[in-house]
């Protein structure tokens, strides 16, 4: 399981709002109460990321995302920003090896999760194998 509380490049851990942990915990609890119909299993991955949409002005400040989970084709997040569905961009986040990854993506979902907070997901335009879960090996006798 990948798990980290790393911030985006150049940011400090003190900037992680207390509401983020509360909202992520509530979302996780709600998901365990219903059947998971996701096709791909996800890794818990709690990092601060930045999203730059291709439609944003060139000098615009990137959108802040607090990631929930990740897999080879996308990631789930929460954010205090209502983001436009279907828009493309680049997400920058700390990778599993400690380096910074910049991944082309498309915004699939962004809906209100709590007052002033939105839950969403992005789809990676190319598979990211370093976030894939290892395949379980069967043991035969």
N, C-alpha and C. Protein backbone atom coordinates (compact mmCIF):
# COMPACT_ATOMS: atom_id res chain seq x y z
N UNK A 1 0.84 -1.18 0.00
CA UNK A 1 0.00 0.00 0.00
C UNK A 1 0.88 1.24 0.00
N UNK A 2 0.63 2.11 -0.94
CA UNK A 2 1.32 3.40 -0.96
C UNK A 2 0.61 4.31 0.01
N UNK A 3 1.35 4.97 0.84
CA UNK A 3 0.73 5.93 1.75
C UNK A 3 1.76 6.95 2.15
N UNK A 4 1.39 8.20 2.01
CA UNK A 4 2.29 9.28 2.39
C UNK A 4 1.47 10.50 2.73
N UNK A 5 2.01 11.39 3.47
CA UNK A 5 1.37 12.67 3.76
C UNK A 5 2.24 13.80 3.24
N UNK A 6 2.95 13.54 2.17
CA UNK A 6 3.86 14.53 1.60
C UNK A 6 3.09 15.67 0.96
N UNK A 7 3.69 16.82 0.97
CA UNK A 7 3.09 17.98 0.33
C UNK A 7 3.59 18.12 -1.09
N UNK A 8 2.97 19.01 -1.80
CA UNK A 8 3.42 19.30 -3.15
C UNK A 8 4.78 19.98 -3.07
N UNK A 9 5.54 19.97 -4.14
CA UNK A 9 6.87 20.57 -4.12
C UNK A 9 6.84 22.00 -3.62
N UNK A 10 7.72 22.31 -2.67
CA UNK A 10 7.83 23.66 -2.16
C UNK A 10 6.83 24.03 -1.08
N UNK A 11 5.98 23.09 -0.67
CA UNK A 11 4.99 23.38 0.36
C UNK A 11 5.35 22.65 1.64
N UNK A 12 4.88 23.18 2.75
CA UNK A 12 5.17 22.57 4.04
C UNK A 12 3.96 21.81 4.57
N UNK A 13 4.21 20.86 5.47
CA UNK A 13 3.14 20.02 6.01
C UNK A 13 2.12 20.83 6.81
N UNK A 14 2.49 21.99 7.37
CA UNK A 14 1.57 22.77 8.19
C UNK A 14 0.36 23.27 7.41
N UNK A 15 0.43 23.30 6.12
CA UNK A 15 -0.66 23.84 5.30
C UNK A 15 -1.77 22.84 5.04
N UNK A 16 -1.71 21.65 5.60
CA UNK A 16 -2.74 20.63 5.40
C UNK A 16 -3.91 20.97 6.32
N UNK A 17 -5.03 21.48 5.79
CA UNK A 17 -6.15 21.90 6.65
C UNK A 17 -6.75 20.73 7.44
N UNK A 18 -7.19 21.02 8.66
CA UNK A 18 -7.78 19.98 9.51
C UNK A 18 -9.02 19.37 8.87
N UNK A 19 -9.78 20.16 8.10
CA UNK A 19 -10.99 19.64 7.46
C UNK A 19 -10.68 18.52 6.48
N UNK A 20 -9.50 18.54 5.89
CA UNK A 20 -9.13 17.54 4.89
C UNK A 20 -9.19 16.14 5.50
N UNK A 21 -8.55 15.95 6.66
CA UNK A 21 -8.57 14.64 7.30
C UNK A 21 -9.98 14.21 7.66
N UNK A 22 -10.79 15.13 8.13
CA UNK A 22 -12.17 14.82 8.51
C UNK A 22 -12.98 14.39 7.29
N UNK A 23 -12.88 15.13 6.20
CA UNK A 23 -13.64 14.81 4.99
C UNK A 23 -13.16 13.50 4.38
N UNK A 24 -11.85 13.31 4.30
CA UNK A 24 -11.33 12.05 3.74
C UNK A 24 -11.77 10.86 4.57
N UNK A 25 -11.77 11.00 5.88
CA UNK A 25 -12.21 9.92 6.76
C UNK A 25 -13.70 9.62 6.53
N UNK A 26 -14.52 10.64 6.40
CA UNK A 26 -15.95 10.44 6.16
C UNK A 26 -16.20 9.76 4.81
N UNK A 27 -15.46 10.16 3.79
CA UNK A 27 -15.61 9.53 2.47
C UNK A 27 -15.20 8.07 2.54
N UNK A 28 -14.07 7.78 3.20
CA UNK A 28 -13.62 6.39 3.34
C UNK A 28 -14.65 5.54 4.07
N UNK A 29 -15.22 6.08 5.13
CA UNK A 29 -16.23 5.35 5.90
C UNK A 29 -17.46 5.06 5.04
N UNK A 30 -17.88 6.04 4.29
CA UNK A 30 -19.04 5.86 3.41
C UNK A 30 -18.81 4.83 2.32
N UNK A 31 -17.59 4.74 1.82
CA UNK A 31 -17.29 3.76 0.76
C UNK A 31 -17.30 2.34 1.30
N UNK A 32 -16.92 2.16 2.56
CA UNK A 32 -16.92 0.82 3.13
C UNK A 32 -18.34 0.33 3.40
N UNK A 33 -19.29 1.26 3.51
CA UNK A 33 -20.67 0.88 3.79
C UNK A 33 -21.40 0.36 2.54
N UNK A 34 -20.86 0.62 1.36
CA UNK A 34 -21.49 0.13 0.13
C UNK A 34 -20.50 -0.70 -0.67
N UNK A 35 -21.03 -1.49 -1.58
CA UNK A 35 -20.19 -2.36 -2.39
C UNK A 35 -19.33 -1.53 -3.35
N UNK A 36 -18.04 -1.84 -3.41
CA UNK A 36 -17.12 -1.15 -4.30
C UNK A 36 -17.25 -1.75 -5.69
N UNK A 37 -17.71 -0.94 -6.65
CA UNK A 37 -17.89 -1.41 -8.01
C UNK A 37 -16.77 -0.96 -8.94
N UNK A 38 -15.70 -0.46 -8.37
CA UNK A 38 -14.58 0.01 -9.18
C UNK A 38 -13.92 -1.16 -9.89
N UNK A 39 -13.52 -0.91 -11.12
CA UNK A 39 -12.86 -1.94 -11.90
C UNK A 39 -11.41 -2.12 -11.45
N UNK A 40 -10.73 -1.04 -11.12
CA UNK A 40 -9.34 -1.11 -10.70
C UNK A 40 -9.24 -0.87 -9.20
N UNK A 41 -8.43 -1.70 -8.52
CA UNK A 41 -8.17 -1.48 -7.10
C UNK A 41 -7.27 -0.25 -6.97
N UNK A 42 -7.44 0.46 -5.87
CA UNK A 42 -6.67 1.67 -5.65
C UNK A 42 -5.79 1.57 -4.42
N UNK A 43 -4.71 2.33 -4.46
CA UNK A 43 -3.83 2.49 -3.32
C UNK A 43 -4.24 3.75 -2.57
N UNK A 44 -4.25 3.68 -1.27
CA UNK A 44 -4.44 4.91 -0.48
C UNK A 44 -3.19 5.76 -0.74
N UNK A 45 -3.40 7.02 -1.08
CA UNK A 45 -2.28 7.90 -1.41
C UNK A 45 -2.66 9.31 -1.00
N UNK A 46 -2.21 9.74 0.15
CA UNK A 46 -2.59 11.03 0.72
C UNK A 46 -1.45 12.02 0.55
N UNK A 47 -1.54 12.82 -0.51
CA UNK A 47 -0.54 13.85 -0.76
C UNK A 47 -1.25 15.12 -1.24
N UNK A 48 -0.55 16.21 -1.16
CA UNK A 48 -1.04 17.47 -1.72
C UNK A 48 -0.52 17.53 -3.15
N UNK A 49 -1.42 17.83 -4.07
CA UNK A 49 -1.05 17.90 -5.48
C UNK A 49 -1.51 19.23 -6.06
N UNK A 50 -1.01 19.52 -7.24
CA UNK A 50 -1.40 20.73 -7.96
C UNK A 50 -1.97 20.33 -9.31
N UNK A 51 -3.00 21.03 -9.71
CA UNK A 51 -3.61 20.79 -11.01
C UNK A 51 -3.57 22.07 -11.83
N UNK A 52 -3.01 21.98 -13.01
CA UNK A 52 -3.00 23.10 -13.95
C UNK A 52 -3.85 22.68 -15.15
N UNK A 53 -4.96 23.38 -15.35
CA UNK A 53 -5.81 23.08 -16.49
C UNK A 53 -5.29 23.81 -17.72
N UNK A 54 -5.39 23.16 -18.87
CA UNK A 54 -4.90 23.77 -20.10
C UNK A 54 -5.68 25.05 -20.42
N UNK A 55 -6.90 25.19 -19.91
CA UNK A 55 -7.72 26.37 -20.16
C UNK A 55 -7.41 27.53 -19.21
N UNK A 56 -6.60 27.29 -18.18
CA UNK A 56 -6.24 28.35 -17.23
C UNK A 56 -5.32 29.37 -17.90
N UNK A 57 -5.39 30.63 -17.47
CA UNK A 57 -4.43 31.63 -17.99
C UNK A 57 -3.00 31.19 -17.66
N UNK A 58 -2.03 31.57 -18.48
CA UNK A 58 -0.65 31.10 -18.30
C UNK A 58 -0.04 31.35 -16.92
N UNK A 59 -0.35 32.45 -16.27
CA UNK A 59 0.25 32.75 -14.97
C UNK A 59 -0.67 32.45 -13.80
N UNK A 60 -1.74 31.71 -14.05
CA UNK A 60 -2.70 31.40 -12.98
C UNK A 60 -2.07 30.47 -11.94
N UNK A 61 -2.49 30.65 -10.69
CA UNK A 61 -2.05 29.76 -9.61
C UNK A 61 -2.69 28.39 -9.83
N UNK A 62 -1.92 27.31 -9.69
CA UNK A 62 -2.52 25.98 -9.87
C UNK A 62 -3.55 25.68 -8.78
N UNK A 63 -4.50 24.82 -9.11
CA UNK A 63 -5.53 24.37 -8.17
C UNK A 63 -4.91 23.38 -7.20
N UNK A 64 -5.25 23.48 -5.92
CA UNK A 64 -4.73 22.55 -4.91
C UNK A 64 -5.68 21.37 -4.77
N UNK A 65 -5.11 20.17 -4.83
CA UNK A 65 -5.85 18.93 -4.62
C UNK A 65 -5.25 18.19 -3.44
N UNK A 66 -6.09 17.55 -2.66
CA UNK A 66 -5.65 16.67 -1.57
C UNK A 66 -6.07 15.27 -1.99
N UNK A 67 -5.11 14.45 -2.36
CA UNK A 67 -5.45 13.16 -2.95
C UNK A 67 -5.93 12.16 -1.91
N UNK A 68 -6.81 11.27 -2.37
CA UNK A 68 -7.38 10.21 -1.53
C UNK A 68 -6.73 8.87 -1.85
N UNK A 69 -6.78 8.56 -3.14
CA UNK A 69 -6.27 7.27 -3.59
C UNK A 69 -5.80 7.39 -5.03
N UNK A 70 -5.06 6.38 -5.45
CA UNK A 70 -4.47 6.43 -6.78
C UNK A 70 -4.36 5.02 -7.34
N UNK A 71 -4.37 4.91 -8.64
CA UNK A 71 -4.09 3.66 -9.34
C UNK A 71 -3.43 4.02 -10.65
N UNK A 72 -3.15 3.06 -11.47
CA UNK A 72 -2.36 3.32 -12.68
C UNK A 72 -3.09 4.19 -13.71
N UNK A 73 -4.39 4.37 -13.57
CA UNK A 73 -5.15 5.14 -14.56
C UNK A 73 -5.77 6.43 -14.03
N UNK A 74 -5.65 6.69 -12.74
CA UNK A 74 -6.24 7.93 -12.23
C UNK A 74 -6.10 8.07 -10.73
N UNK A 75 -6.65 9.18 -10.22
CA UNK A 75 -6.60 9.41 -8.78
C UNK A 75 -7.87 10.11 -8.32
N UNK A 76 -8.19 9.87 -7.04
CA UNK A 76 -9.31 10.54 -6.39
C UNK A 76 -8.77 11.64 -5.49
N UNK A 77 -9.56 12.70 -5.29
CA UNK A 77 -9.08 13.84 -4.52
C UNK A 77 -10.26 14.58 -3.90
N UNK A 78 -9.92 15.50 -2.98
CA UNK A 78 -10.86 16.53 -2.55
C UNK A 78 -10.16 17.87 -2.76
N UNK A 79 -10.97 18.91 -2.86
CA UNK A 79 -10.44 20.24 -3.12
C UNK A 79 -11.46 21.29 -2.66
N UNK A 80 -11.00 22.46 -2.28
CA UNK A 80 -11.95 23.53 -1.96
C UNK A 80 -12.45 24.25 -3.22
N UNK A 81 -12.09 23.76 -4.40
CA UNK A 81 -12.44 24.42 -5.66
C UNK A 81 -13.44 23.59 -6.46
N UNK A 82 -14.43 24.25 -7.02
CA UNK A 82 -15.32 23.56 -7.96
C UNK A 82 -14.65 23.63 -9.32
N UNK A 83 -14.31 22.47 -9.86
CA UNK A 83 -13.54 22.40 -11.09
C UNK A 83 -14.42 21.98 -12.27
N UNK A 84 -14.10 22.42 -13.49
CA UNK A 84 -14.93 22.13 -14.66
C UNK A 84 -14.71 20.72 -15.20
N UNK A 85 -15.77 19.96 -15.30
CA UNK A 85 -15.70 18.57 -15.79
C UNK A 85 -15.26 18.51 -17.24
N UNK A 86 -14.50 17.47 -17.56
CA UNK A 86 -14.08 17.23 -18.93
C UNK A 86 -12.88 18.01 -19.39
N UNK A 87 -12.36 18.90 -18.56
CA UNK A 87 -11.21 19.70 -18.95
C UNK A 87 -9.93 18.91 -18.77
N UNK A 88 -8.97 19.15 -19.63
CA UNK A 88 -7.67 18.50 -19.55
C UNK A 88 -6.66 19.39 -18.84
N UNK A 89 -5.61 18.75 -18.36
CA UNK A 89 -4.56 19.50 -17.69
C UNK A 89 -3.42 18.60 -17.28
N UNK A 90 -2.61 19.09 -16.35
CA UNK A 90 -1.50 18.33 -15.79
C UNK A 90 -1.60 18.36 -14.29
N UNK A 91 -1.48 17.20 -13.68
CA UNK A 91 -1.45 17.12 -12.23
C UNK A 91 0.00 16.89 -11.83
N UNK A 92 0.47 17.64 -10.85
CA UNK A 92 1.83 17.49 -10.32
C UNK A 92 1.71 16.97 -8.90
N UNK A 93 2.39 15.87 -8.62
CA UNK A 93 2.32 15.28 -7.29
C UNK A 93 3.60 14.56 -6.96
N UNK A 94 3.87 14.41 -5.65
CA UNK A 94 5.04 13.62 -5.26
C UNK A 94 4.84 12.17 -5.68
N UNK A 95 5.85 11.60 -6.31
CA UNK A 95 5.76 10.20 -6.73
C UNK A 95 6.20 9.25 -5.64
N UNK A 96 6.00 7.96 -5.86
CA UNK A 96 6.36 6.96 -4.85
C UNK A 96 7.85 6.92 -4.55
N UNK A 97 8.69 7.40 -5.47
CA UNK A 97 10.14 7.39 -5.25
C UNK A 97 10.65 8.70 -4.67
N UNK A 98 9.73 9.64 -4.38
CA UNK A 98 10.12 10.93 -3.81
C UNK A 98 10.27 12.04 -4.82
N UNK A 99 10.34 11.71 -6.10
CA UNK A 99 10.44 12.73 -7.13
C UNK A 99 9.07 13.33 -7.42
N UNK A 100 9.05 14.39 -8.22
CA UNK A 100 7.80 15.03 -8.60
C UNK A 100 7.37 14.51 -9.97
N UNK A 101 6.10 14.09 -10.06
CA UNK A 101 5.55 13.61 -11.32
C UNK A 101 4.63 14.67 -11.89
N UNK A 102 4.66 14.85 -13.19
CA UNK A 102 3.74 15.73 -13.90
C UNK A 102 3.02 14.85 -14.92
N UNK A 103 1.72 14.64 -14.72
CA UNK A 103 0.97 13.66 -15.50
C UNK A 103 -0.20 14.35 -16.20
N UNK A 104 -0.29 14.17 -17.52
CA UNK A 104 -1.43 14.68 -18.27
C UNK A 104 -2.69 13.93 -17.83
N UNK A 105 -3.78 14.68 -17.64
CA UNK A 105 -5.00 14.07 -17.12
C UNK A 105 -6.23 14.79 -17.65
N UNK A 106 -7.39 14.19 -17.38
CA UNK A 106 -8.69 14.76 -17.70
C UNK A 106 -9.55 14.71 -16.46
N UNK A 107 -10.24 15.80 -16.15
CA UNK A 107 -11.10 15.87 -14.97
C UNK A 107 -12.41 15.14 -15.25
N UNK A 108 -12.65 14.05 -14.51
CA UNK A 108 -13.84 13.24 -14.71
C UNK A 108 -15.00 13.61 -13.81
N UNK A 109 -14.70 13.95 -12.58
CA UNK A 109 -15.77 14.18 -11.60
C UNK A 109 -15.33 15.28 -10.64
N UNK A 110 -16.29 16.11 -10.24
CA UNK A 110 -16.06 17.10 -9.20
C UNK A 110 -17.43 17.49 -8.66
N UNK A 111 -17.77 16.96 -7.48
CA UNK A 111 -19.08 17.20 -6.89
C UNK A 111 -18.92 17.57 -5.42
N UNK A 112 -19.89 18.29 -4.91
CA UNK A 112 -19.78 18.77 -3.53
C UNK A 112 -19.81 17.58 -2.57
N UNK A 113 -18.85 17.56 -1.65
CA UNK A 113 -18.76 16.50 -0.64
C UNK A 113 -19.14 17.03 0.74
N UNK A 114 -18.90 18.30 0.98
CA UNK A 114 -19.20 18.98 2.24
C UNK A 114 -19.25 20.47 1.91
N UNK A 115 -19.86 21.27 2.77
CA UNK A 115 -19.90 22.71 2.46
C UNK A 115 -18.49 23.27 2.21
N UNK A 116 -18.30 23.82 1.02
CA UNK A 116 -17.01 24.40 0.66
C UNK A 116 -15.96 23.41 0.20
N UNK A 117 -16.31 22.12 0.07
CA UNK A 117 -15.36 21.09 -0.36
C UNK A 117 -15.97 20.21 -1.43
N UNK A 118 -15.13 19.82 -2.39
CA UNK A 118 -15.57 19.02 -3.53
C UNK A 118 -14.73 17.76 -3.61
N UNK A 119 -15.39 16.68 -3.99
CA UNK A 119 -14.74 15.38 -4.17
C UNK A 119 -14.71 15.12 -5.67
N UNK A 120 -13.58 14.62 -6.16
CA UNK A 120 -13.48 14.40 -7.59
C UNK A 120 -12.47 13.34 -7.98
N UNK A 121 -12.32 13.21 -9.29
CA UNK A 121 -11.32 12.27 -9.81
C UNK A 121 -10.80 12.77 -11.15
N UNK A 122 -9.57 12.39 -11.43
CA UNK A 122 -8.97 12.64 -12.73
C UNK A 122 -8.55 11.32 -13.33
N UNK A 123 -8.59 11.27 -14.64
CA UNK A 123 -8.16 10.11 -15.41
C UNK A 123 -6.83 10.45 -16.04
N UNK A 124 -5.83 9.58 -15.84
CA UNK A 124 -4.53 9.81 -16.47
C UNK A 124 -4.64 9.46 -17.96
N UNK A 125 -4.12 10.33 -18.82
CA UNK A 125 -4.20 10.10 -20.25
C UNK A 125 -3.34 8.91 -20.70
N UNK A 126 -2.35 8.57 -19.90
CA UNK A 126 -1.53 7.38 -20.13
C UNK A 126 -1.40 6.62 -18.83
N UNK A 127 -1.37 5.32 -18.92
CA UNK A 127 -1.24 4.48 -17.73
C UNK A 127 0.06 4.80 -16.99
N UNK A 128 0.00 4.83 -15.67
CA UNK A 128 1.14 5.12 -14.81
C UNK A 128 1.48 3.84 -14.04
N UNK A 129 2.33 2.97 -14.60
CA UNK A 129 2.57 1.66 -13.99
C UNK A 129 3.16 1.71 -12.59
N UNK A 130 3.86 2.79 -12.21
CA UNK A 130 4.44 2.86 -10.86
C UNK A 130 3.37 3.00 -9.78
N UNK A 131 2.11 3.24 -10.15
CA UNK A 131 1.02 3.29 -9.17
C UNK A 131 0.14 2.04 -9.21
N UNK A 132 0.46 1.08 -10.05
CA UNK A 132 -0.34 -0.14 -10.13
C UNK A 132 -0.07 -1.02 -8.91
N UNK A 133 -1.10 -1.68 -8.43
CA UNK A 133 -0.93 -2.63 -7.34
C UNK A 133 -0.27 -3.88 -7.87
N UNK A 134 0.59 -4.52 -7.09
CA UNK A 134 1.18 -5.77 -7.55
C UNK A 134 0.09 -6.83 -7.70
N UNK A 135 0.27 -7.67 -8.71
CA UNK A 135 -0.67 -8.75 -8.95
C UNK A 135 -0.42 -9.85 -7.94
N UNK A 136 -1.48 -10.31 -7.29
CA UNK A 136 -1.33 -11.38 -6.31
C UNK A 136 -0.97 -12.68 -7.02
N UNK A 137 0.01 -13.39 -6.49
CA UNK A 137 0.42 -14.66 -7.08
C UNK A 137 -0.33 -15.77 -6.40
N UNK A 138 -0.81 -16.72 -7.21
CA UNK A 138 -1.51 -17.85 -6.62
C UNK A 138 -0.49 -18.90 -6.18
N UNK A 139 -0.80 -19.54 -5.10
CA UNK A 139 0.08 -20.58 -4.56
C UNK A 139 -0.53 -21.93 -4.90
N UNK A 140 0.21 -22.74 -5.59
CA UNK A 140 -0.28 -24.09 -5.92
C UNK A 140 0.67 -25.11 -5.32
N UNK A 141 0.11 -26.24 -5.00
CA UNK A 141 0.95 -27.28 -4.39
C UNK A 141 1.23 -28.35 -5.41
